[in-house]
Amino acid sequence: MTYAKPLLKRSHHVLISDAGDVCIGEIPGKSKILLQPPSWVVPALEALDGAHTLPRIGKELAARGHAVSSDELTAFVGALAGFSLVEEGARASSVLTAEELERYDRQILQFALVDEQRVDNAVVYQERLKKARVLILGMGGWGTWCALNLARAGIGTLRLVDGDEVELSNLNRQVLYSAADIGAKKVHAAARALQEHNGSLVVECACEFATEDTDRLDELLADVDVVIVAWASLGYYRTRTVERVVHSLAANHGIPVIELGGDPLDISVGPVYLNDGSHLGFEDIRKSAQQAFYSSDPTVRAFQEARMRNDFRNGNRVVNAWQSAPSLAVMSGLVADQVVKLISGYDRCNLVGRRFHLSMQTYAIREEVVFARS
C-alpha cells in the first residue's frame, strides 16, 4: 500500500533506550524494536505525523543534515506498514463528524492497535459501527446495560423491544432508568437516557413484548446487523419460545445473534451465531443442549423439568429472580465487546460457537463449546 501522507499509528509511542535502540509501541506482538538504527530513523519517525508526504519528509530530513535517499525512505515506510505500524493520514471521513471523531478517538486508537483487517485508517472500523443497527430484545437489566455500552461505542442505531414499564424495583440494576421514569414505558425512558449519553444515536422504539408472531418478528429484524437476546434463552429446553422463532428468522436472513445470561453468582456470554452457513444452527444443537443441561439423576431431572414448567408452590410469598448491577455490568461489557468486534471487524469475535462462564464468587472461568465452525 502506498500512502499519500503516512501516519505512524497514534496508538504507538516511540521509545529510545540509553543504548540508542528504538521501540515503536509497547504491546508485545504489536510493537517493533529497531536495534541501532541509522541516525535519520528517529527524525523520520517523528515526521510521520499524517500531515506530510514522503517527498516533503525527505526534504526536511535533508535540511537537517540526514543523508537518506527517496528509495530508502519509501522502503522504510513500507517495512513499517508491513508490521501494521502505519496508516493513511490523509483519509477524511464522510461518515463521522469532527465531533464524533473526537468523541471516539480513544477507541479508534484501540482499533488501530489491533487492526485485524489492516485497513488504510482505523476510522474505517468506527464508520462501520456508525452505519450499523442492533436489535435488543428486552430492556431489563441485561438489555439496558448492553444498550448503554453500545451507545457509547458509537453504534448508529439501536432498535429496542420491550412492552414493560419502569418499576421502583428495577432501579437497583437497570442502568438507564431513574426514579423520574417510574411508570414510563421502558423503551421510551431508555431512548431518552441513551440520547443524553450520545446525541448522534438513533433509537427506534418498539413498545411491545416480542411474541412468536413470525410476521411481526420479521419486521423487527428488518435491516438489522446483529440481534441481542437479552433474556434467558429457554428455547433450548422448551418447545414454544420466542427465541426459537427469532433464531429461525435470523438464520434465514443471515443475521448474527448473541445470547447472554446468568445471575449475580454465575454469568455467561455467548454463543454468537453468525448464521452465515459456517456452523450448525440453533435448531441443530437443541437436542445436545438438552442432554448437557438435564441431569442423569432422575430425581434431579424431574425437578429441572418442573422448573422449566414454572411448576412453583410458593404460596403467598413473592419469589423473584435475584439480580444486581455488578454482574450485569460485567456481562454486558463482554457482549458489547463481541458486538463491536463482529460489526467493525477490528478484532476477532471469539465467542462464535462458545459460551463464556464467570463465577462472580470465585472469579473462576470456563468456556463451553456449543458448536464448532466448519
Protein backbone atom coordinates (compact mmCIF):
# COMPACT_ATOMS: atom_id res chain seq x y z
CA MET A 1 0.00 0.00 0.00
CA THR A 2 1.20 3.49 -0.82
CA TYR A 3 0.41 6.42 1.46
CA ALA A 4 -0.29 10.00 0.45
CA LYS A 5 0.58 11.21 3.94
CA PRO A 6 1.83 8.33 6.09
CA LEU A 7 0.94 8.44 9.79
CA LEU A 8 2.78 6.40 12.38
CA LYS A 9 -0.13 4.97 14.36
CA ARG A 10 -1.02 7.18 17.29
CA SER A 11 -1.56 4.07 19.39
CA HIS A 12 2.22 3.64 19.45
CA HIS A 13 4.78 5.64 21.42
CA VAL A 14 8.33 5.80 20.10
CA LEU A 15 10.83 4.94 22.84
CA ILE A 16 14.62 5.24 22.73
CA SER A 17 16.87 3.29 25.06
CA ASP A 18 20.13 4.58 26.52
CA ALA A 19 21.91 2.29 24.03
CA GLY A 20 20.24 4.05 21.10
CA ASP A 21 17.82 1.26 20.22
CA VAL A 22 14.29 2.27 19.19
CA CYS A 23 10.98 0.64 20.13
CA ILE A 24 7.79 1.55 18.30
CA GLY A 25 4.84 0.65 20.50
CA GLU A 26 4.67 -1.09 23.86
CA ILE A 27 2.37 -4.12 23.43
CA PRO A 28 4.04 -7.48 22.69
CA GLY A 29 3.14 -8.64 19.21
CA LYS A 30 2.05 -5.15 18.21
CA SER A 31 5.39 -3.34 18.57
CA LYS A 32 8.73 -3.35 16.77
CA ILE A 33 12.29 -2.91 18.07
CA LEU A 34 14.94 -1.36 15.84
CA LEU A 35 18.46 -2.14 17.01
CA GLN A 36 20.99 0.63 16.42
CA PRO A 37 19.08 2.22 13.51
CA PRO A 38 20.70 4.90 11.29
CA SER A 39 20.63 8.44 12.66
CA TRP A 40 17.83 9.53 10.28
CA VAL A 41 15.33 6.94 11.57
CA VAL A 42 14.13 8.76 14.70
CA PRO A 43 13.65 12.11 12.88
CA ALA A 44 11.81 10.20 10.16
CA LEU A 45 9.53 8.58 12.73
CA GLU A 46 8.84 11.98 14.26
CA ALA A 47 7.92 13.31 10.81
CA LEU A 48 5.37 10.54 10.13
CA ASP A 49 2.55 12.67 11.53
CA GLY A 50 0.00 12.27 8.73
CA ALA A 51 0.48 15.88 7.60
CA HIS A 52 3.38 15.43 5.17
CA THR A 53 4.09 13.48 2.01
CA LEU A 54 7.18 11.29 1.78
CA PRO A 55 8.96 13.70 -0.60
CA ARG A 56 8.33 16.52 1.88
CA ILE A 57 9.65 14.38 4.74
CA GLY A 58 12.73 13.55 2.67
CA LYS A 59 13.41 17.26 2.10
CA GLU A 60 13.03 18.04 5.80
CA LEU A 61 15.47 15.27 6.72
CA ALA A 62 17.98 16.51 4.14
CA ALA A 63 17.65 20.05 5.51
CA ARG A 64 18.53 18.65 8.95
CA GLY A 65 21.66 17.01 7.55
CA HIS A 66 20.42 13.44 7.28
CA ALA A 67 21.54 11.60 4.17
CA VAL A 68 18.68 9.30 3.19
CA SER A 69 17.53 8.55 -0.33
CA SER A 70 13.94 8.56 -1.53
CA ASP A 71 14.12 4.80 -2.10
CA GLU A 72 15.41 4.22 1.43
CA LEU A 73 12.62 6.31 2.94
CA THR A 74 9.96 4.58 0.84
CA ALA A 75 11.31 1.16 1.80
CA PHE A 76 11.39 2.18 5.47
CA VAL A 77 7.74 3.24 5.46
CA GLY A 78 6.85 0.07 3.56
CA ALA A 79 8.57 -2.02 6.23
CA LEU A 80 6.67 -0.17 8.97
CA ALA A 81 3.45 -0.82 7.08
CA GLY A 82 4.32 -4.49 6.90
CA PHE A 83 4.31 -4.54 10.70
CA SER A 84 0.98 -2.65 10.75
CA LEU A 85 2.57 0.44 12.26
CA VAL A 86 1.46 3.00 9.66
CA GLU A 87 -1.89 4.22 8.39
CA GLU A 88 -3.10 6.82 5.91
CA GLY A 89 -3.12 10.26 7.50
CA ALA A 90 -4.79 11.98 4.57
CA ARG A 91 -8.01 9.98 4.81
CA ALA A 92 -11.09 12.09 5.53
CA SER A 93 -14.31 10.54 6.83
CA SER A 94 -17.58 11.22 5.03
CA VAL A 95 -19.48 9.24 7.70
CA LEU A 96 -18.27 10.68 11.00
CA THR A 97 -18.41 14.32 12.03
CA ALA A 98 -15.43 16.12 13.57
CA GLU A 99 -17.20 15.90 16.93
CA GLU A 100 -17.66 12.15 16.56
CA LEU A 101 -14.03 11.66 15.59
CA GLU A 102 -13.01 13.42 18.78
CA ARG A 103 -15.60 11.53 20.88
CA TYR A 104 -14.40 8.13 19.70
CA ASP A 105 -10.71 8.97 19.44
CA ARG A 106 -9.53 6.70 22.26
CA GLN A 107 -11.28 3.62 20.93
CA ILE A 108 -10.20 4.36 17.38
CA LEU A 109 -6.65 4.17 18.77
CA GLN A 110 -7.56 0.75 20.17
CA PHE A 111 -8.86 -0.30 16.77
CA ALA A 112 -5.61 0.92 15.18
CA LEU A 113 -3.54 -1.07 17.66
CA VAL A 114 -5.24 -4.37 16.82
CA ASP A 115 -6.25 -3.68 13.19
CA GLU A 116 -7.13 -7.27 12.30
CA GLN A 117 -8.13 -6.35 8.75
CA ARG A 118 -5.21 -3.97 8.01
CA VAL A 119 -7.45 -1.12 6.81
CA ASP A 120 -5.94 2.12 5.50
CA ASN A 121 -7.05 4.01 8.62
CA ALA A 122 -8.73 2.70 11.79
CA VAL A 123 -11.50 5.27 11.38
CA VAL A 124 -12.98 2.70 8.96
CA TYR A 125 -13.89 0.49 11.91
CA GLN A 126 -15.72 3.33 13.65
CA GLU A 127 -17.58 4.16 10.45
CA ARG A 128 -18.87 0.59 10.32
CA LEU A 129 -20.27 0.99 13.82
CA LYS A 130 -22.00 4.24 12.85
CA LYS A 131 -23.69 2.52 9.91
CA ALA A 132 -24.91 -0.45 11.97
CA ARG A 133 -28.29 -1.23 13.52
CA VAL A 134 -28.52 -3.54 16.54
CA LEU A 135 -31.76 -5.08 17.78
CA ILE A 136 -32.03 -5.57 21.55
CA LEU A 137 -34.85 -7.83 22.66
CA GLY A 138 -35.68 -6.96 26.25
CA MET A 139 -34.85 -3.74 28.09
CA GLY A 140 -34.46 -5.04 31.61
CA GLY A 141 -31.18 -5.50 33.44
CA TRP A 142 -29.34 -7.17 30.58
CA GLY A 143 -30.74 -5.05 27.78
CA THR A 144 -30.22 -1.64 29.41
CA TRP A 145 -26.56 -2.28 30.18
CA CYS A 146 -25.94 -3.63 26.66
CA ALA A 147 -27.67 -0.63 25.11
CA LEU A 148 -25.63 1.84 27.18
CA ASN A 149 -22.33 0.21 26.20
CA LEU A 150 -23.23 0.10 22.52
CA ALA A 151 -24.49 3.69 22.51
CA ARG A 152 -21.20 4.88 23.99
CA ALA A 153 -19.26 2.74 21.48
CA GLY A 154 -20.94 4.55 18.59
CA ILE A 155 -23.42 2.08 17.16
CA GLY A 156 -25.52 4.21 14.81
CA THR A 157 -28.98 2.79 15.50
CA LEU A 158 -30.41 0.77 18.38
CA ARG A 159 -33.82 -0.86 17.99
CA LEU A 160 -35.29 -1.56 21.42
CA VAL A 161 -38.13 -4.00 22.05
CA ASP A 162 -39.96 -4.24 25.38
CA GLY A 163 -43.57 -3.68 26.45
CA ASP A 164 -42.89 -3.26 30.16
CA GLU A 165 -42.97 -0.16 32.37
CA VAL A 166 -40.30 1.06 34.78
CA GLU A 167 -40.85 -0.01 38.40
CA LEU A 168 -39.12 1.05 41.59
CA SER A 169 -37.61 -2.43 41.98
CA ASN A 170 -35.84 -2.00 38.63
CA LEU A 171 -33.66 0.85 39.81
CA ASN A 172 -31.03 -1.23 41.61
CA ARG A 173 -29.79 -2.71 38.36
CA GLN A 174 -31.46 -1.38 35.18
CA VAL A 175 -28.94 1.32 34.46
CA LEU A 176 -30.89 3.60 32.10
CA TYR A 177 -33.79 4.36 34.45
CA SER A 178 -34.25 6.78 37.35
CA ALA A 179 -36.99 7.46 39.87
CA ALA A 180 -38.45 10.02 37.47
CA ASP A 181 -39.08 7.22 34.95
CA ILE A 182 -41.28 5.07 37.22
CA GLY A 183 -44.47 4.27 35.33
CA ALA A 184 -43.00 5.19 31.95
CA LYS A 185 -42.58 2.69 29.15
CA LYS A 186 -39.10 1.23 29.36
CA VAL A 187 -38.21 1.74 25.71
CA HIS A 188 -39.16 5.44 25.84
CA ALA A 189 -37.27 6.06 29.09
CA ALA A 190 -34.29 4.17 27.70
CA ALA A 191 -34.35 6.19 24.48
CA ARG A 192 -34.23 9.46 26.41
CA ALA A 193 -31.35 8.28 28.57
CA LEU A 194 -29.36 6.87 25.67
CA GLN A 195 -29.62 10.05 23.65
CA GLU A 196 -28.34 12.02 26.63
CA HIS A 197 -25.27 9.79 26.54
CA ASN A 198 -24.88 10.08 22.76
CA GLY A 199 -26.84 12.66 20.82
CA SER A 200 -25.83 11.11 17.48
CA LEU A 201 -27.55 7.84 18.32
CA VAL A 202 -30.78 6.91 16.54
CA VAL A 203 -33.15 4.95 18.81
CA GLU A 204 -36.07 3.01 17.36
CA CYS A 205 -38.64 2.02 19.98
CA ALA A 206 -40.99 -0.95 19.77
CA CYS A 207 -43.18 -0.67 22.86
CA GLU A 208 -44.37 -4.28 22.87
CA PHE A 209 -43.50 -7.70 24.14
CA ALA A 210 -41.93 -9.87 21.45
CA THR A 211 -44.14 -12.84 20.64
CA GLU A 212 -43.99 -15.84 18.32
CA ASP A 213 -45.76 -13.81 15.61
CA THR A 214 -43.47 -14.53 12.65
CA ASP A 215 -44.59 -11.57 10.57
CA ARG A 216 -44.03 -9.09 13.39
CA LEU A 217 -40.65 -10.54 14.32
CA ASP A 218 -39.67 -10.32 10.66
CA GLU A 219 -40.47 -6.60 10.78
CA LEU A 220 -38.39 -6.16 13.93
CA LEU A 221 -35.46 -7.95 12.27
CA ALA A 222 -35.61 -5.82 9.11
CA ASP A 223 -32.29 -4.10 8.25
CA VAL A 224 -30.67 -5.32 11.48
CA ASP A 225 -26.96 -6.23 11.63
CA VAL A 226 -26.93 -8.07 14.98
CA VAL A 227 -29.59 -9.35 17.40
CA ILE A 228 -29.05 -9.44 21.17
CA VAL A 229 -31.40 -11.79 23.02
CA ALA A 230 -31.42 -10.03 26.38
CA TRP A 231 -33.45 -12.53 28.33
CA ALA A 232 -32.96 -16.10 29.49
CA SER A 233 -32.86 -18.21 26.33
CA LEU A 234 -35.00 -21.19 27.22
CA GLY A 235 -35.63 -22.21 23.63
CA TYR A 236 -33.09 -24.98 24.06
CA TYR A 237 -35.34 -26.68 26.61
CA ARG A 238 -38.92 -25.65 25.80
CA THR A 239 -40.90 -26.37 22.65
CA ARG A 240 -42.58 -23.00 22.13
CA THR A 241 -40.50 -19.88 22.80
CA VAL A 242 -39.97 -16.53 21.13
CA GLU A 243 -36.23 -17.04 20.88
CA ARG A 244 -36.69 -20.18 18.77
CA VAL A 245 -38.59 -18.10 16.22
CA VAL A 246 -36.02 -15.30 16.44
CA HIS A 247 -33.18 -17.72 15.79
CA SER A 248 -35.03 -19.27 12.87
CA LEU A 249 -35.76 -15.94 11.20
CA ALA A 250 -32.27 -14.61 11.87
CA ALA A 251 -30.78 -17.72 10.29
CA ASN A 252 -33.00 -17.25 7.23
CA HIS A 253 -31.81 -13.66 6.86
CA GLY A 254 -28.16 -14.31 7.75
CA ILE A 255 -28.27 -12.05 10.82
CA PRO A 256 -25.89 -12.84 13.70
CA VAL A 257 -27.43 -13.47 17.14
CA ILE A 258 -25.71 -13.30 20.54
CA GLU A 259 -27.07 -14.63 23.82
CA LEU A 260 -26.20 -13.87 27.43
CA GLY A 261 -27.45 -15.00 30.79
CA GLY A 262 -26.78 -15.63 34.42
CA ASP A 263 -27.33 -14.12 37.83
CA PRO A 264 -25.14 -12.45 40.47
CA LEU A 265 -23.45 -15.77 41.20
CA ASP A 266 -22.57 -17.00 37.73
CA ILE A 267 -22.76 -15.18 34.41
CA SER A 268 -22.46 -16.36 30.84
CA VAL A 269 -21.95 -14.65 27.49
CA GLY A 270 -22.49 -16.32 24.14
CA PRO A 271 -22.65 -18.15 21.98
CA VAL A 272 -22.59 -15.95 18.91
CA TYR A 273 -24.45 -17.46 15.97
CA LEU A 274 -23.08 -15.92 12.77
CA ASN A 275 -25.84 -17.54 10.69
CA ASP A 276 -23.59 -17.41 7.65
CA GLY A 277 -23.60 -21.12 6.86
CA SER A 278 -20.28 -21.76 8.62
CA HIS A 279 -21.74 -23.63 11.59
CA LEU A 280 -24.72 -25.55 12.96
CA GLY A 281 -27.82 -23.53 13.69
CA PHE A 282 -29.85 -23.10 16.86
CA GLU A 283 -32.25 -25.91 15.99
CA ASP A 284 -29.40 -28.27 15.14
CA ILE A 285 -27.97 -28.13 18.65
CA ARG A 286 -31.14 -28.06 20.76
CA LYS A 287 -31.07 -31.79 21.47
CA SER A 288 -27.42 -31.85 22.52
CA ALA A 289 -28.01 -28.74 24.65
CA GLN A 290 -30.82 -30.51 26.45
CA GLN A 291 -28.66 -33.55 27.03
CA ALA A 292 -25.94 -31.35 28.52
CA PHE A 293 -28.41 -29.44 30.69
CA TYR A 294 -30.53 -32.19 32.17
CA SER A 295 -29.05 -34.33 34.93
CA SER A 296 -28.60 -38.08 34.57
CA ASP A 297 -30.05 -38.37 38.07
CA PRO A 298 -33.82 -38.98 37.58
CA THR A 299 -34.73 -37.11 40.75
CA VAL A 300 -32.73 -34.03 39.81
CA ARG A 301 -34.02 -34.14 36.24
CA ALA A 302 -37.60 -34.26 37.48
CA PHE A 303 -37.02 -31.01 39.38
CA GLN A 304 -35.32 -29.42 36.38
CA GLU A 305 -38.33 -30.30 34.23
CA ALA A 306 -40.65 -28.88 36.88
CA ARG A 307 -38.61 -25.67 36.80
CA MET A 308 -38.99 -25.41 33.04
CA ARG A 309 -42.78 -25.69 33.54
CA ASN A 310 -42.68 -22.98 36.23
CA ASP A 311 -44.38 -25.52 38.48
CA PHE A 312 -43.93 -23.50 41.67
CA ARG A 313 -45.66 -23.86 45.04
CA ASN A 314 -44.72 -20.61 46.74
CA GLY A 315 -47.97 -19.76 48.44
CA ASN A 316 -48.28 -16.05 49.23
CA ARG A 317 -44.52 -15.41 49.17
CA VAL A 318 -43.25 -13.12 46.45
CA VAL A 319 -40.33 -15.03 44.94
CA ASN A 320 -38.36 -13.49 42.11
CA ALA A 321 -35.07 -13.83 40.25
CA TRP A 322 -32.14 -12.38 42.18
CA GLN A 323 -30.07 -9.82 40.31
CA SER A 324 -27.79 -6.83 40.88
CA ALA A 325 -25.83 -4.31 38.87
CA PRO A 326 -22.21 -5.58 39.12
CA SER A 327 -22.80 -8.87 37.32
CA LEU A 328 -24.92 -7.11 34.69
CA ALA A 329 -22.15 -4.58 34.08
CA VAL A 330 -19.61 -7.36 33.55
CA MET A 331 -21.67 -9.48 31.17
CA SER A 332 -22.96 -6.53 29.15
CA GLY A 333 -19.43 -5.24 28.70
CA LEU A 334 -18.43 -8.60 27.25
CA VAL A 335 -21.48 -8.63 24.98
CA ALA A 336 -20.74 -5.13 23.70
CA ASP A 337 -17.11 -6.13 23.12
CA GLN A 338 -18.20 -9.04 20.92
CA VAL A 339 -20.81 -6.99 19.05
CA VAL A 340 -18.30 -4.20 18.32
CA LYS A 341 -15.76 -6.73 17.06
CA LEU A 342 -18.36 -8.54 14.99
CA ILE A 343 -19.62 -5.39 13.28
CA SER A 344 -16.37 -3.48 12.88
CA GLY A 345 -14.03 -6.39 12.17
CA TYR A 346 -11.18 -4.69 14.04
CA ASP A 347 -10.57 -7.90 16.03
CA ARG A 348 -11.78 -11.49 16.12
CA CYS A 349 -15.16 -12.31 17.62
CA ASN A 350 -14.07 -15.15 19.89
CA LEU A 351 -17.44 -16.34 21.18
CA VAL A 352 -18.71 -17.74 17.90
CA GLY A 353 -19.97 -21.15 18.99
CA ARG A 354 -18.69 -20.66 22.53
CA ARG A 355 -20.20 -19.70 25.84
CA PHE A 356 -18.01 -17.92 28.38
CA HIS A 357 -18.80 -18.51 32.06
CA LEU A 358 -17.54 -16.47 35.01
CA SER A 359 -18.22 -17.17 38.66
CA MET A 360 -18.83 -13.88 40.44
CA GLN A 361 -17.99 -15.59 43.72
CA THR A 362 -14.62 -17.16 42.94
CA TYR A 363 -13.81 -15.49 39.56
CA ALA A 364 -13.23 -18.95 38.14
CA ILE A 365 -13.80 -19.05 34.40
CA ARG A 366 -14.70 -21.79 31.99
CA GLU A 367 -15.52 -21.92 28.32
CA GLU A 368 -18.19 -24.17 26.87
CA VAL A 369 -18.04 -25.22 23.22
CA VAL A 370 -21.62 -25.09 21.95
CA PHE A 371 -20.84 -25.79 18.30
CA ALA A 372 -17.82 -25.86 16.01
CA ARG A 373 -17.34 -23.78 12.87
CA SER A 374 -16.65 -25.54 9.59
